C-alpha atoms as a PDB file:
ATOM      1  CA  MET A   1     -13.082   0.541  -9.177  1.00  0.00           C
ATOM      2  CA  SER A   2     -10.208   0.559 -11.654  1.00  0.00           C
ATOM      3  CA  PHE A   3      -6.558   0.347 -10.648  1.00  0.00           C
ATOM      4  CA  PHE A   4      -4.931   3.742 -10.065  1.00  0.00           C
ATOM      5  CA  VAL A   5      -1.968   5.349  -8.362  1.00  0.00           C
ATOM      6  CA  PRO A   6      -2.664   8.766  -6.805  1.00  0.00           C
ATOM      7  CA  SER A   7      -1.161  11.615  -8.840  1.00  0.00           C
ATOM      8  CA  ALA A   8      -0.428   9.418 -11.867  1.00  0.00           C
ATOM      9  CA  GLU A   9      -1.172  11.290 -15.086  1.00  0.00           C
ATOM     10  CA  SER A  10      -2.150   8.218 -17.104  1.00  0.00           C
ATOM     11  CA  GLN A  11      -2.596   4.466 -16.810  1.00  0.00           C
ATOM     12  CA  GLU A  12       0.911   3.963 -18.216  1.00  0.00           C
ATOM     13  CA  HIS A  13       2.305   6.391 -15.633  1.00  0.00           C
ATOM     14  CA  ALA A  14       0.440   4.509 -12.869  1.00  0.00           C
ATOM     15  CA  GLU A  15       1.952   1.203 -14.020  1.00  0.00           C
ATOM     16  CA  SER A  16       5.421   2.741 -14.092  1.00  0.00           C
ATOM     17  CA  ILE A  17       5.085   4.179 -10.577  1.00  0.00           C
ATOM     18  CA  TYR A  18       3.637   0.909  -9.244  1.00  0.00           C
ATOM     19  CA  SER A  19       6.511  -1.122 -10.728  1.00  0.00           C
ATOM     20  CA  SER A  20       9.158   1.319  -9.461  1.00  0.00           C
ATOM     21  CA  ILE A  21       7.827   1.236  -5.912  1.00  0.00           C
ATOM     22  CA  ALA A  22       7.617  -2.567  -6.030  1.00  0.00           C
ATOM     23  CA  LYS A  23      11.282  -2.717  -6.985  1.00  0.00           C
ATOM     24  CA  ASN A  24      12.181  -0.252  -4.200  1.00  0.00           C
ATOM     25  CA  VAL A  25      10.443  -2.336  -1.496  1.00  0.00           C
ATOM     26  CA  ASN A  26      11.347  -5.731  -2.981  1.00  0.00           C
ATOM     27  CA  ALA A  27       7.733  -6.653  -3.722  1.00  0.00           C
ATOM     28  CA  PRO A  28       6.361  -8.740  -6.574  1.00  0.00           C
ATOM     29  CA  VAL A  29       4.296  -7.021  -9.257  1.00  0.00           C
ATOM     30  CA  SER A  30       0.996  -8.834  -9.582  1.00  0.00           C
ATOM     31  CA  ASP A  31      -1.897  -8.445 -11.986  1.00  0.00           C
ATOM     32  CA  GLN A  32      -4.204  -8.568  -8.954  1.00  0.00           C
ATOM     33  CA  ARG A  33      -3.818  -5.105  -7.367  1.00  0.00           C
ATOM     34  CA  ILE A  34      -4.852  -4.345  -3.794  1.00  0.00           C
ATOM     35  CA  ALA A  35      -7.114  -1.343  -3.199  1.00  0.00           C
ATOM     36  CA  GLN A  36      -7.815  -1.763   0.537  1.00  0.00           C
ATOM     37  CA  LEU A  37      -6.369  -3.687   3.458  1.00  0.00           C
ATOM     38  CA  ALA A  38      -7.706  -3.984   7.021  1.00  0.00           C
ATOM     39  CA  TRP A  39      -5.779  -5.538   9.906  1.00  0.00           C
ATOM     40  CA  SER A  40      -5.102  -5.500  13.622  1.00  0.00           C
ATOM     41  CA  HIS A  41      -2.141  -3.315  14.590  1.00  0.00           C
ATOM     42  CA  GLU A  42      -1.137  -3.344  18.260  1.00  0.00           C
ATOM     43  CA  GLY A  43      -4.696  -4.283  19.246  1.00  0.00           C
ATOM     44  CA  GLN A  44      -6.317  -1.600  17.078  1.00  0.00           C
ATOM     45  CA  GLU A  45      -8.221  -2.268  13.860  1.00  0.00           C
ATOM     46  CA  VAL A  46      -6.738  -0.158  11.066  1.00  0.00           C
ATOM     47  CA  SER A  47      -7.424   0.188   7.365  1.00  0.00           C
ATOM     48  CA  ALA A  48      -5.291   1.395   4.483  1.00  0.00           C
ATOM     49  CA  ASN A  49      -6.987   2.493   1.273  1.00  0.00           C
ATOM     50  CA  VAL A  50      -5.148   3.520  -1.877  1.00  0.00           C
ATOM     51  CA  GLY A  51      -5.761   7.233  -2.405  1.00  0.00           C
ATOM     52  CA  GLU A  52      -6.547   7.932   1.259  1.00  0.00           C
ATOM     53  CA  PRO A  53      -4.316   8.971   4.189  1.00  0.00           C
ATOM     54  CA  LEU A  54      -2.464   6.294   6.135  1.00  0.00           C
ATOM     55  CA  PRO A  55      -3.989   5.740   9.614  1.00  0.00           C
ATOM     56  CA  SER A  56      -2.590   8.223  12.137  1.00  0.00           C
ATOM     57  CA  CYS A  57      -1.153   5.488  14.385  1.00  0.00           C
ATOM     58  CA  PHE A  58       1.714   5.153  11.872  1.00  0.00           C
ATOM     59  CA  GLY A  59       2.879   8.749  12.376  1.00  0.00           C
ATOM     60  CA  ALA A  60       2.346   9.839   8.778  1.00  0.00           C
ATOM     61  CA  GLU A  61      -1.041  11.546   9.057  1.00  0.00           C
ATOM     62  CA  ASP A  62      -0.883  13.497   5.819  1.00  0.00           C
ATOM     63  CA  GLU A  63       0.641  10.712   3.718  1.00  0.00           C
ATOM     64  CA  VAL A  64      -1.610   9.126   1.122  1.00  0.00           C
ATOM     65  CA  VAL A  65      -1.394   5.386   0.490  1.00  0.00           C
ATOM     66  CA  ILE A  66      -0.128   4.949  -3.064  1.00  0.00           C
ATOM     67  CA  ALA A  67       0.304   1.175  -3.299  1.00  0.00           C
ATOM     68  CA  ILE A  68      -0.238  -2.039  -1.332  1.00  0.00           C
ATOM     69  CA  TYR A  69       1.710  -5.208  -2.194  1.00  0.00           C
ATOM     70  CA  ASP A  70       1.184  -8.856  -1.283  1.00  0.00           C
ATOM     71  CA  CYS A  71       4.640 -10.122  -0.315  1.00  0.00           C
ATOM     72  CA  GLY A  72       3.917 -13.655   0.840  1.00  0.00           C
ATOM     73  CA  ASP A  73       3.643 -13.659   4.636  1.00  0.00           C
ATOM     74  CA  VAL A  74       3.173  -9.892   4.822  1.00  0.00           C
ATOM     75  CA  PHE A  75       1.578  -6.991   2.992  1.00  0.00           C
ATOM     76  CA  LYS A  76       3.565  -3.807   2.383  1.00  0.00           C
ATOM     77  CA  VAL A  77       1.639  -0.522   2.481  1.00  0.00           C
ATOM     78  CA  CYS A  78       3.458   2.331   0.745  1.00  0.00           C
ATOM     79  CA  THR A  79       3.152   6.098   0.936  1.00  0.00           C
ATOM     80  CA  PRO A  80       5.500   8.630  -0.659  1.00  0.00           C
ATOM     81  CA  ASN A  81       7.835   8.549   2.353  1.00  0.00           C
ATOM     82  CA  ARG A  82       7.047   5.065   3.655  1.00  0.00           C
ATOM     83  CA  GLY A  83       8.353   2.864   0.855  1.00  0.00           C
ATOM     84  CA  ALA A  84       8.173   4.942  -2.300  1.00  0.00           C
ATOM     85  CA  ILE A  85      10.988   7.433  -1.684  1.00  0.00           C
ATOM     86  CA  CYS A  86      12.616   6.582   1.641  1.00  0.00           C
ATOM     87  CA  PHE A  87      12.079   4.687   4.869  1.00  0.00           C
ATOM     88  CA  ASP A  88      10.418   1.291   5.063  1.00  0.00           C
ATOM     89  CA  PRO A  89       6.783   0.664   4.130  1.00  0.00           C
ATOM     90  CA  VAL A  90       4.196  -0.200   6.753  1.00  0.00           C
ATOM     91  CA  VAL A  91       4.190  -3.986   7.118  1.00  0.00           C
ATOM     92  CA  ALA A  92       1.066  -5.959   8.010  1.00  0.00           C
ATOM     93  CA  SER A  93       1.362  -9.640   8.885  1.00  0.00           C
ATOM     94  CA  LYS A  94      -1.062 -11.892   7.028  1.00  0.00           C
ATOM     95  CA  ALA A  95      -2.011 -13.438  10.389  1.00  0.00           C
ATOM     96  CA  GLN A  96      -3.457 -10.035  11.416  1.00  0.00           C
ATOM     97  CA  ILE A  97      -5.442  -9.337   8.227  1.00  0.00           C
ATOM     98  CA  SER A  98      -9.226  -9.039   8.470  1.00  0.00           C
ATOM     99  CA  SER A  99      -9.971  -8.048   4.856  1.00  0.00           C
ATOM    100  CA  VAL A 100      -8.355  -7.445   1.488  1.00  0.00           C
ATOM    101  CA  ASN A 101     -10.171  -5.731  -1.377  1.00  0.00           C
ATOM    102  CA  PHE A 102      -8.882  -5.627  -4.909  1.00  0.00           C
ATOM    103  CA  PHE A 103      -9.287  -3.161  -7.762  1.00  0.00           C
END
């Protein structure tokens, strides 16, 4: 699977969106892009996939994951309202991660 950002009109647009969100959430921009992340959240196994809705336990049922960033000790999962435009992204501790898949 190739790197993409949902709703981006071109690869250049996807890169621009990805970089802008990274700046907004204080995340590094890496050449290795995350497509999927699975972790334990409050005793429940959850998964975030770029292009798919965020798990319902985060209260943003209709929000699509648009980017996932590796920020050292944590991963930041961003949707339009959780990280991209307002509010904080979903944060997953590396200690709770069960899998990471890259584009």
